[in-house]
C-alpha atoms as a PDB file:
ATOM      1  CA  UNK A   1       0.000   0.000   0.000  1.00  0.00           C
ATOM      2  CA  UNK A   2       1.343   3.428  -0.917  1.00  0.00           C
ATOM      3  CA  UNK A   3       1.098   6.064   1.769  1.00  0.00           C
ATOM      4  CA  UNK A   4       0.564   9.609   0.618  1.00  0.00           C
ATOM      5  CA  UNK A   5       2.128  12.333   2.674  1.00  0.00           C
ATOM      6  CA  UNK A   6      -0.449  14.891   3.664  1.00  0.00           C
ATOM      7  CA  UNK A   7       0.896  18.402   3.704  1.00  0.00           C
ATOM      8  CA  UNK A   8      -0.329  20.356   6.681  1.00  0.00           C
ATOM      9  CA  UNK A   9      -1.031  23.967   5.749  1.00  0.00           C
ATOM     10  CA  UNK A  10       1.180  26.612   7.336  1.00  0.00           C
ATOM     11  CA  UNK A  11       0.302  30.236   7.916  1.00  0.00           C
ATOM     12  CA  UNK A  12       2.102  33.468   8.688  1.00  0.00           C
ATOM     13  CA  UNK A  13       1.602  35.299  11.964  1.00  0.00           C
ATOM     14  CA  UNK A  14      -0.753  37.810  10.351  1.00  0.00           C
ATOM     15  CA  UNK A  15      -2.813  35.101   8.630  1.00  0.00           C
ATOM     16  CA  UNK A  16      -3.307  33.280  11.924  1.00  0.00           C
ATOM     17  CA  UNK A  17      -4.208  36.422  13.842  1.00  0.00           C
ATOM     18  CA  UNK A  18      -6.607  37.624  11.116  1.00  0.00           C
ATOM     19  CA  UNK A  19      -8.414  34.276  11.006  1.00  0.00           C
ATOM     20  CA  UNK A  20     -11.577  33.388  12.902  1.00  0.00           C
ATOM     21  CA  UNK A  21      -9.869  30.305  14.328  1.00  0.00           C
ATOM     22  CA  UNK A  22      -8.916  31.956  17.629  1.00  0.00           C
ATOM     23  CA  UNK A  23     -10.710  34.065  20.230  1.00  0.00           C
ATOM     24  CA  UNK A  24      -9.606  37.667  20.850  1.00  0.00           C
ATOM     25  CA  UNK A  25      -7.816  36.598  24.060  1.00  0.00           C
ATOM     26  CA  UNK A  26      -5.883  33.880  22.228  1.00  0.00           C
ATOM     27  CA  UNK A  27      -5.016  36.351  19.475  1.00  0.00           C
ATOM     28  CA  UNK A  28      -3.452  38.608  22.118  1.00  0.00           C
ATOM     29  CA  UNK A  29      -1.256  35.695  23.213  1.00  0.00           C
ATOM     30  CA  UNK A  30      -0.381  34.920  19.592  1.00  0.00           C
ATOM     31  CA  UNK A  31       0.764  38.510  19.058  1.00  0.00           C
ATOM     32  CA  UNK A  32       3.270  37.925  21.863  1.00  0.00           C
ATOM     33  CA  UNK A  33       4.501  34.419  21.044  1.00  0.00           C
ATOM     34  CA  UNK A  34       4.554  34.203  17.239  1.00  0.00           C
ATOM     35  CA  UNK A  35       7.499  35.558  15.263  1.00  0.00           C
ATOM     36  CA  UNK A  36       6.822  37.851  12.307  1.00  0.00           C
ATOM     37  CA  UNK A  37       9.104  35.992   9.902  1.00  0.00           C
ATOM     38  CA  UNK A  38       7.968  32.433  10.666  1.00  0.00           C
ATOM     39  CA  UNK A  39       5.152  30.170   9.516  1.00  0.00           C
ATOM     40  CA  UNK A  40       3.041  27.975  11.788  1.00  0.00           C
ATOM     41  CA  UNK A  41       0.426  25.267  11.593  1.00  0.00           C
ATOM     42  CA  UNK A  42      -2.778  25.730  13.576  1.00  0.00           C
ATOM     43  CA  UNK A  43      -1.606  22.945  15.880  1.00  0.00           C
ATOM     44  CA  UNK A  44       1.686  24.728  16.532  1.00  0.00           C
ATOM     45  CA  UNK A  45      -0.167  27.955  17.333  1.00  0.00           C
ATOM     46  CA  UNK A  46      -2.453  26.116  19.772  1.00  0.00           C
ATOM     47  CA  UNK A  47       0.573  24.499  21.435  1.00  0.00           C
ATOM     48  CA  UNK A  48       2.285  27.873  21.872  1.00  0.00           C
ATOM     49  CA  UNK A  49      -0.889  29.327  23.410  1.00  0.00           C
ATOM     50  CA  UNK A  50      -1.148  26.420  25.862  1.00  0.00           C
ATOM     51  CA  UNK A  51       2.524  26.696  26.836  1.00  0.00           C
ATOM     52  CA  UNK A  52       2.118  30.423  27.404  1.00  0.00           C
ATOM     53  CA  UNK A  53      -0.982  29.982  29.555  1.00  0.00           C
ATOM     54  CA  UNK A  54       0.595  27.216  31.655  1.00  0.00           C
ATOM     55  CA  UNK A  55       3.904  28.976  32.286  1.00  0.00           C
ATOM     56  CA  UNK A  56       4.846  29.884  35.818  1.00  0.00           C
ATOM     57  CA  UNK A  57       4.429  33.533  36.808  1.00  0.00           C
ATOM     58  CA  UNK A  58       7.217  34.941  38.903  1.00  0.00           C
END
Protein backbone atom coordinates (compact mmCIF):
# COMPACT_ATOMS: atom_id res chain seq x y z
CA UNK A 1 0.00 0.00 0.00
CA UNK A 2 1.34 3.43 -0.92
CA UNK A 3 1.10 6.06 1.77
CA UNK A 4 0.56 9.61 0.62
CA UNK A 5 2.13 12.33 2.67
CA UNK A 6 -0.45 14.89 3.66
CA UNK A 7 0.90 18.40 3.70
CA UNK A 8 -0.33 20.36 6.68
CA UNK A 9 -1.03 23.97 5.75
CA UNK A 10 1.18 26.61 7.34
CA UNK A 11 0.30 30.24 7.92
CA UNK A 12 2.10 33.47 8.69
CA UNK A 13 1.60 35.30 11.96
CA UNK A 14 -0.75 37.81 10.35
CA UNK A 15 -2.81 35.10 8.63
CA UNK A 16 -3.31 33.28 11.92
CA UNK A 17 -4.21 36.42 13.84
CA UNK A 18 -6.61 37.62 11.12
CA UNK A 19 -8.41 34.28 11.01
CA UNK A 20 -11.58 33.39 12.90
CA UNK A 21 -9.87 30.31 14.33
CA UNK A 22 -8.92 31.96 17.63
CA UNK A 23 -10.71 34.06 20.23
CA UNK A 24 -9.61 37.67 20.85
CA UNK A 25 -7.82 36.60 24.06
CA UNK A 26 -5.88 33.88 22.23
CA UNK A 27 -5.02 36.35 19.48
CA UNK A 28 -3.45 38.61 22.12
CA UNK A 29 -1.26 35.70 23.21
CA UNK A 30 -0.38 34.92 19.59
CA UNK A 31 0.76 38.51 19.06
CA UNK A 32 3.27 37.92 21.86
CA UNK A 33 4.50 34.42 21.04
CA UNK A 34 4.55 34.20 17.24
CA UNK A 35 7.50 35.56 15.26
CA UNK A 36 6.82 37.85 12.31
CA UNK A 37 9.10 35.99 9.90
CA UNK A 38 7.97 32.43 10.67
CA UNK A 39 5.15 30.17 9.52
CA UNK A 40 3.04 27.98 11.79
CA UNK A 41 0.43 25.27 11.59
CA UNK A 42 -2.78 25.73 13.58
CA UNK A 43 -1.61 22.94 15.88
CA UNK A 44 1.69 24.73 16.53
CA UNK A 45 -0.17 27.95 17.33
CA UNK A 46 -2.45 26.12 19.77
CA UNK A 47 0.57 24.50 21.43
CA UNK A 48 2.29 27.87 21.87
CA UNK A 49 -0.89 29.33 23.41
CA UNK A 50 -1.15 26.42 25.86
CA UNK A 51 2.52 26.70 26.84
CA UNK A 52 2.12 30.42 27.40
CA UNK A 53 -0.98 29.98 29.55
CA UNK A 54 0.59 27.22 31.66
CA UNK A 55 3.90 28.98 32.29
CA UNK A 56 4.85 29.88 35.82
CA UNK A 57 4.43 33.53 36.81
CA UNK A 58 7.22 34.94 38.90
